[in-house]
C-alpha atoms as a PDB file:
ATOM      1  CA  MET A   1      14.905  20.992  15.806  1.00  0.00           C
ATOM      2  CA  THR A   2      17.196  17.973  15.119  1.00  0.00           C
ATOM      3  CA  LYS A   3      13.993  16.100  13.914  1.00  0.00           C
ATOM      4  CA  ILE A   4      13.336  19.021  11.358  1.00  0.00           C
ATOM      5  CA  ILE A   5      16.893  18.892  10.122  1.00  0.00           C
ATOM      6  CA  ILE A   6      16.721  15.134   9.780  1.00  0.00           C
ATOM      7  CA  SER A   7      13.423  15.430   7.803  1.00  0.00           C
ATOM      8  CA  LEU A   8      14.748  17.956   5.541  1.00  0.00           C
ATOM      9  CA  PHE A   9      17.789  15.889   4.756  1.00  0.00           C
ATOM     10  CA  LEU A  10      15.752  12.778   4.278  1.00  0.00           C
ATOM     11  CA  THR A  11      13.324  14.521   2.012  1.00  0.00           C
ATOM     12  CA  LEU A  12      16.037  16.294  -0.040  1.00  0.00           C
ATOM     13  CA  PHE A  13      17.949  12.701  -0.285  1.00  0.00           C
ATOM     14  CA  LEU A  14      14.942  10.999  -1.418  1.00  0.00           C
ATOM     15  CA  ASN A  15      13.975  13.625  -3.794  1.00  0.00           C
ATOM     16  CA  SER A  16      17.344  13.321  -5.458  1.00  0.00           C
ATOM     17  CA  PHE A  17      16.309   9.878  -6.440  1.00  0.00           C
ATOM     18  CA  LEU A  18      13.593  11.231  -8.515  1.00  0.00           C
ATOM     19  CA  TYR A  19      16.129  12.971 -10.860  1.00  0.00           C
ATOM     20  CA  ALA A  20      18.143   9.868 -11.543  1.00  0.00           C
ATOM     21  CA  GLY A  21      17.296   6.926 -13.368  1.00  0.00           C
ATOM     22  CA  GLU A  22      15.760   4.785 -10.939  1.00  0.00           C
ATOM     23  CA  ASN A  23      16.427   1.124  -9.734  1.00  0.00           C
ATOM     24  CA  TYR A  24      13.790   0.772  -7.231  1.00  0.00           C
ATOM     25  CA  SER A  25      14.953  -2.832  -6.170  1.00  0.00           C
ATOM     26  CA  GLU A  26      17.892  -1.085  -4.453  1.00  0.00           C
ATOM     27  CA  MET A  27      15.693   1.303  -2.497  1.00  0.00           C
ATOM     28  CA  SER A  28      14.259   0.163   0.930  1.00  0.00           C
ATOM     29  CA  THR A  29      10.814  -0.248   1.415  1.00  0.00           C
ATOM     30  CA  GLN A  30      10.272   2.786   3.440  1.00  0.00           C
ATOM     31  CA  GLU A  31      12.020   4.893   0.939  1.00  0.00           C
ATOM     32  CA  LEU A  32       9.644   3.447  -1.871  1.00  0.00           C
ATOM     33  CA  ILE A  33       6.791   4.375   0.484  1.00  0.00           C
ATOM     34  CA  SER A  34       7.823   7.858   1.018  1.00  0.00           C
ATOM     35  CA  ILE A  35       7.988   8.665  -2.619  1.00  0.00           C
ATOM     36  CA  ILE A  36       4.515   7.348  -3.543  1.00  0.00           C
ATOM     37  CA  GLY A  37       3.022  10.104  -5.705  1.00  0.00           C
ATOM     38  CA  TYR A  38       6.338  11.662  -6.690  1.00  0.00           C
ATOM     39  CA  VAL A  39       7.460   9.097  -9.277  1.00  0.00           C
ATOM     40  CA  LYS A  40       7.437  10.196 -12.882  1.00  0.00           C
ATOM     41  CA  LYS A  41       4.725   8.750 -14.974  1.00  0.00           C
ATOM     42  CA  ASP A  42       7.037   6.951 -17.298  1.00  0.00           C
ATOM     43  CA  GLU A  43       8.577   5.119 -14.359  1.00  0.00           C
ATOM     44  CA  SER A  44       5.307   4.538 -12.486  1.00  0.00           C
ATOM     45  CA  ASP A  45       4.868   1.002 -13.729  1.00  0.00           C
ATOM     46  CA  THR A  46       8.129  -0.139 -12.664  1.00  0.00           C
ATOM     47  CA  PHE A  47       7.719   1.504  -9.363  1.00  0.00           C
ATOM     48  CA  LYS A  48       4.239  -0.228  -8.705  1.00  0.00           C
ATOM     49  CA  LYS A  49       5.604  -3.486  -9.503  1.00  0.00           C
ATOM     50  CA  GLU A  50       8.483  -3.197  -7.210  1.00  0.00           C
ATOM     51  CA  LEU A  51       6.300  -1.942  -4.496  1.00  0.00           C
ATOM     52  CA  GLU A  52       3.569  -4.508  -4.900  1.00  0.00           C
ATOM     53  CA  SER A  53       6.218  -7.225  -4.879  1.00  0.00           C
ATOM     54  CA  ARG A  54       7.161  -6.173  -1.179  1.00  0.00           C
ATOM     55  CA  VAL A  55       3.652  -5.840   0.185  1.00  0.00           C
ATOM     56  CA  ALA A  56       3.743  -9.573   1.590  1.00  0.00           C
ATOM     57  CA  SER A  57       7.071  -8.867   3.527  1.00  0.00           C
ATOM     58  CA  MET A  58       6.136  -5.491   4.935  1.00  0.00           C
ATOM     59  CA  SER A  59       6.064  -4.858   8.571  1.00  0.00           C
ATOM     60  CA  ALA A  60       2.721  -3.624  10.170  1.00  0.00           C
ATOM     61  CA  SER A  61       3.895   0.005  10.278  1.00  0.00           C
ATOM     62  CA  GLU A  62       5.048  -0.203   6.557  1.00  0.00           C
ATOM     63  CA  LYS A  63       1.804  -1.681   5.447  1.00  0.00           C
ATOM     64  CA  GLU A  64      -0.108   1.093   7.492  1.00  0.00           C
ATOM     65  CA  SER A  65       2.079   3.702   5.654  1.00  0.00           C
ATOM     66  CA  TYR A  66       1.390   1.851   2.346  1.00  0.00           C
ATOM     67  CA  VAL A  67      -2.337   1.836   2.647  1.00  0.00           C
ATOM     68  CA  LYS A  68      -2.309   5.482   3.783  1.00  0.00           C
ATOM     69  CA  ASN A  69      -0.472   6.696   0.681  1.00  0.00           C
ATOM     70  CA  LEU A  70      -2.257   4.363  -1.910  1.00  0.00           C
ATOM     71  CA  HIS A  71      -4.401   7.239  -3.190  1.00  0.00           C
ATOM     72  CA  LYS A  72      -1.278   8.787  -4.433  1.00  0.00           C
ATOM     73  CA  LEU A  73      -0.526   6.116  -6.831  1.00  0.00           C
ATOM     74  CA  LYS A  74      -3.514   7.173  -9.233  1.00  0.00           C
END
């Protein structure tokens, strides 16, 4: 039950970023990965550049998550 509540809170928290002007450089890599596919079209170039700049420093689990979600960027 705790995991569900935490997941719900995290989802709501991350979605709140979608409605504010984004400064993606202030978000963690995991946060960026979790919102792939939910970024507004007019902010997608900025989002992609920030995410791509972090690929080299991603952990193995972050890279795996990133690769799994790449199809959502199109």
